[in-house]
């Protein structure tokens, strides 16, 4: 998916409301809708370094729609 302007340069974005993290390099309509909602609500978190391990260190878990089968 193409990242929204405010998230350019980030791969992982977290939802502060439910502690889920989304991988912007994964495609799908569910992810796109979730990220759009996050941007509109301004309830997202980015991570530095931009890695899944850093998101996990902060208590975020990978969203089910982003898990690779």
N, C-alpha and C. Protein backbone atom coordinates (compact mmCIF):
# COMPACT_ATOMS: atom_id res chain seq x y z
N UNK A 1 0.84 -1.18 0.00
CA UNK A 1 0.00 0.00 0.00
C UNK A 1 0.87 1.23 0.00
N UNK A 2 0.37 2.30 -0.56
CA UNK A 2 1.10 3.57 -0.56
C UNK A 2 0.80 4.29 0.75
N UNK A 3 1.85 4.69 1.46
CA UNK A 3 1.68 5.33 2.76
C UNK A 3 1.09 6.74 2.60
N UNK A 4 0.21 7.13 3.52
CA UNK A 4 -0.30 8.51 3.51
C UNK A 4 0.85 9.50 3.72
N UNK A 5 0.65 10.72 3.32
CA UNK A 5 1.72 11.72 3.36
C UNK A 5 2.35 11.84 4.75
N UNK A 6 1.54 11.84 5.81
CA UNK A 6 2.08 12.01 7.15
C UNK A 6 2.87 10.81 7.64
N UNK A 7 2.80 9.69 6.92
CA UNK A 7 3.51 8.48 7.32
C UNK A 7 4.61 8.08 6.33
N UNK A 8 4.92 8.96 5.39
CA UNK A 8 5.97 8.66 4.42
C UNK A 8 7.28 8.40 5.16
N UNK A 9 7.98 7.40 4.71
CA UNK A 9 9.27 7.07 5.31
C UNK A 9 9.17 6.12 6.48
N UNK A 10 7.96 5.69 6.82
CA UNK A 10 7.76 4.73 7.91
C UNK A 10 7.20 3.44 7.35
N UNK A 11 7.65 2.33 7.92
CA UNK A 11 7.10 1.05 7.52
C UNK A 11 6.03 0.59 8.50
N UNK A 12 6.26 0.78 9.78
CA UNK A 12 5.32 0.32 10.80
C UNK A 12 4.62 1.51 11.45
N UNK A 13 3.32 1.38 11.62
CA UNK A 13 2.53 2.42 12.27
C UNK A 13 1.62 1.75 13.29
N UNK A 14 1.58 2.32 14.49
CA UNK A 14 0.79 1.72 15.56
C UNK A 14 -0.49 2.47 15.84
N UNK A 15 -1.50 1.73 16.27
CA UNK A 15 -2.78 2.29 16.68
C UNK A 15 -2.75 2.44 18.19
N UNK A 16 -2.74 3.68 18.67
CA UNK A 16 -2.66 3.95 20.11
C UNK A 16 -3.89 3.47 20.87
N UNK A 17 -5.00 3.29 20.17
CA UNK A 17 -6.25 2.91 20.83
C UNK A 17 -6.29 1.44 21.22
N UNK A 18 -5.64 0.59 20.43
CA UNK A 18 -5.72 -0.85 20.72
C UNK A 18 -4.36 -1.55 20.71
N UNK A 19 -3.28 -0.76 20.62
CA UNK A 19 -1.92 -1.29 20.67
C UNK A 19 -1.62 -2.30 19.55
N UNK A 20 -2.19 -2.08 18.37
CA UNK A 20 -1.91 -2.91 17.20
C UNK A 20 -0.98 -2.14 16.27
N UNK A 21 -0.10 -2.86 15.60
CA UNK A 21 0.81 -2.23 14.66
C UNK A 21 0.55 -2.80 13.27
N UNK A 22 0.60 -1.92 12.27
CA UNK A 22 0.34 -2.29 10.89
C UNK A 22 1.61 -2.11 10.07
N UNK A 23 1.85 -3.05 9.18
CA UNK A 23 2.99 -3.02 8.27
C UNK A 23 2.52 -2.37 6.97
N UNK A 24 3.04 -1.20 6.67
CA UNK A 24 2.59 -0.49 5.47
C UNK A 24 3.08 -1.11 4.18
N UNK A 25 3.99 -2.06 4.27
CA UNK A 25 4.45 -2.77 3.07
C UNK A 25 3.55 -3.95 2.73
N UNK A 26 2.57 -4.23 3.59
CA UNK A 26 1.60 -5.28 3.33
C UNK A 26 0.39 -4.64 2.65
N UNK A 27 -0.14 -5.29 1.65
CA UNK A 27 -1.29 -4.71 0.95
C UNK A 27 -2.58 -5.37 1.39
N UNK A 28 -3.65 -4.65 1.22
CA UNK A 28 -4.98 -5.17 1.53
C UNK A 28 -5.93 -4.07 1.90
N UNK A 29 -7.19 -4.29 1.61
CA UNK A 29 -8.19 -3.25 1.87
C UNK A 29 -8.40 -3.03 3.36
N UNK A 30 -8.24 -4.06 4.17
CA UNK A 30 -8.41 -3.92 5.63
C UNK A 30 -7.33 -3.00 6.19
N UNK A 31 -6.10 -3.21 5.75
CA UNK A 31 -4.99 -2.38 6.23
C UNK A 31 -5.18 -0.94 5.77
N UNK A 32 -5.53 -0.75 4.52
CA UNK A 32 -5.73 0.60 4.00
C UNK A 32 -6.81 1.34 4.78
N UNK A 33 -7.90 0.66 5.08
CA UNK A 33 -8.99 1.29 5.84
C UNK A 33 -8.54 1.62 7.26
N UNK A 34 -7.79 0.72 7.88
CA UNK A 34 -7.32 0.95 9.25
C UNK A 34 -6.36 2.13 9.31
N UNK A 35 -5.44 2.21 8.36
CA UNK A 35 -4.47 3.31 8.34
C UNK A 35 -5.16 4.63 8.03
N UNK A 36 -6.13 4.62 7.15
CA UNK A 36 -6.88 5.83 6.84
C UNK A 36 -7.60 6.33 8.10
N UNK A 37 -8.21 5.40 8.84
CA UNK A 37 -8.89 5.75 10.08
C UNK A 37 -7.90 6.32 11.11
N UNK A 38 -6.72 5.72 11.21
CA UNK A 38 -5.70 6.21 12.14
C UNK A 38 -5.29 7.64 11.82
N UNK A 39 -5.08 7.90 10.54
CA UNK A 39 -4.65 9.24 10.13
C UNK A 39 -5.73 10.28 10.39
N UNK A 40 -6.98 9.92 10.14
CA UNK A 40 -8.08 10.86 10.38
C UNK A 40 -8.25 11.14 11.87
N UNK A 41 -8.06 10.11 12.70
CA UNK A 41 -8.21 10.26 14.16
C UNK A 41 -6.96 10.81 14.82
N UNK A 42 -5.84 10.85 14.09
CA UNK A 42 -4.55 11.28 14.65
C UNK A 42 -4.18 10.45 15.88
N UNK A 43 -4.46 9.15 15.82
CA UNK A 43 -4.19 8.25 16.94
C UNK A 43 -3.13 7.20 16.57
N UNK A 44 -2.13 7.62 15.82
CA UNK A 44 -1.10 6.68 15.39
C UNK A 44 0.23 6.98 16.06
N UNK A 45 1.07 5.97 16.09
CA UNK A 45 2.43 6.10 16.62
C UNK A 45 3.39 5.53 15.59
N UNK A 46 4.54 6.17 15.46
CA UNK A 46 5.60 5.63 14.62
C UNK A 46 6.75 5.26 15.55
N UNK A 47 7.68 4.50 15.04
CA UNK A 47 8.72 3.94 15.88
C UNK A 47 10.10 4.27 15.35
N UNK A 48 11.04 4.45 16.24
CA UNK A 48 12.42 4.68 15.87
C UNK A 48 13.32 3.82 16.73
N UNK A 49 14.02 2.91 16.16
CA UNK A 49 14.07 2.60 14.74
C UNK A 49 12.76 1.99 14.24
N UNK A 50 12.55 2.11 12.96
CA UNK A 50 11.29 1.69 12.33
C UNK A 50 11.31 0.18 12.11
N UNK A 51 11.20 -0.56 13.20
CA UNK A 51 11.26 -2.02 13.16
C UNK A 51 10.14 -2.61 14.01
N UNK A 52 9.72 -3.81 13.65
CA UNK A 52 8.67 -4.49 14.40
C UNK A 52 9.12 -4.76 15.84
N UNK A 53 10.41 -5.07 16.02
CA UNK A 53 10.91 -5.33 17.38
C UNK A 53 10.76 -4.11 18.28
N UNK A 54 10.94 -2.91 17.74
CA UNK A 54 10.77 -1.69 18.53
C UNK A 54 9.30 -1.49 18.90
N UNK A 55 8.41 -1.79 17.97
CA UNK A 55 6.98 -1.69 18.27
C UNK A 55 6.61 -2.66 19.38
N UNK A 56 7.15 -3.87 19.32
CA UNK A 56 6.88 -4.86 20.36
C UNK A 56 7.44 -4.40 21.71
N UNK A 57 8.60 -3.76 21.70
CA UNK A 57 9.18 -3.23 22.94
C UNK A 57 8.25 -2.22 23.60
N UNK A 58 7.46 -1.55 22.81
CA UNK A 58 6.52 -0.54 23.33
C UNK A 58 5.14 -1.12 23.62
N UNK A 59 5.00 -2.43 23.50
CA UNK A 59 3.75 -3.08 23.86
C UNK A 59 2.77 -3.28 22.72
N UNK A 60 3.19 -2.99 21.50
CA UNK A 60 2.31 -3.16 20.34
C UNK A 60 2.45 -4.58 19.80
N UNK A 61 1.38 -5.08 19.23
CA UNK A 61 1.36 -6.40 18.61
C UNK A 61 0.96 -6.26 17.15
N UNK A 62 1.54 -7.10 16.30
CA UNK A 62 1.23 -7.06 14.87
C UNK A 62 -0.23 -7.41 14.65
N UNK A 63 -0.92 -6.60 13.89
CA UNK A 63 -2.33 -6.83 13.58
C UNK A 63 -2.48 -8.11 12.78
N UNK A 64 -3.56 -8.82 13.02
CA UNK A 64 -3.80 -10.10 12.36
C UNK A 64 -3.79 -9.97 10.83
N UNK A 65 -4.26 -8.88 10.31
CA UNK A 65 -4.32 -8.71 8.85
C UNK A 65 -2.93 -8.53 8.23
N UNK A 66 -1.91 -8.31 9.03
CA UNK A 66 -0.56 -8.11 8.52
C UNK A 66 0.31 -9.36 8.65
N UNK A 67 -0.19 -10.36 9.31
CA UNK A 67 0.61 -11.59 9.48
C UNK A 67 0.68 -12.34 8.17
N UNK A 68 1.87 -12.74 7.83
CA UNK A 68 2.07 -13.50 6.60
C UNK A 68 1.74 -14.95 6.83
N UNK A 69 1.08 -15.53 5.88
CA UNK A 69 0.70 -16.94 6.01
C UNK A 69 1.83 -17.84 5.60
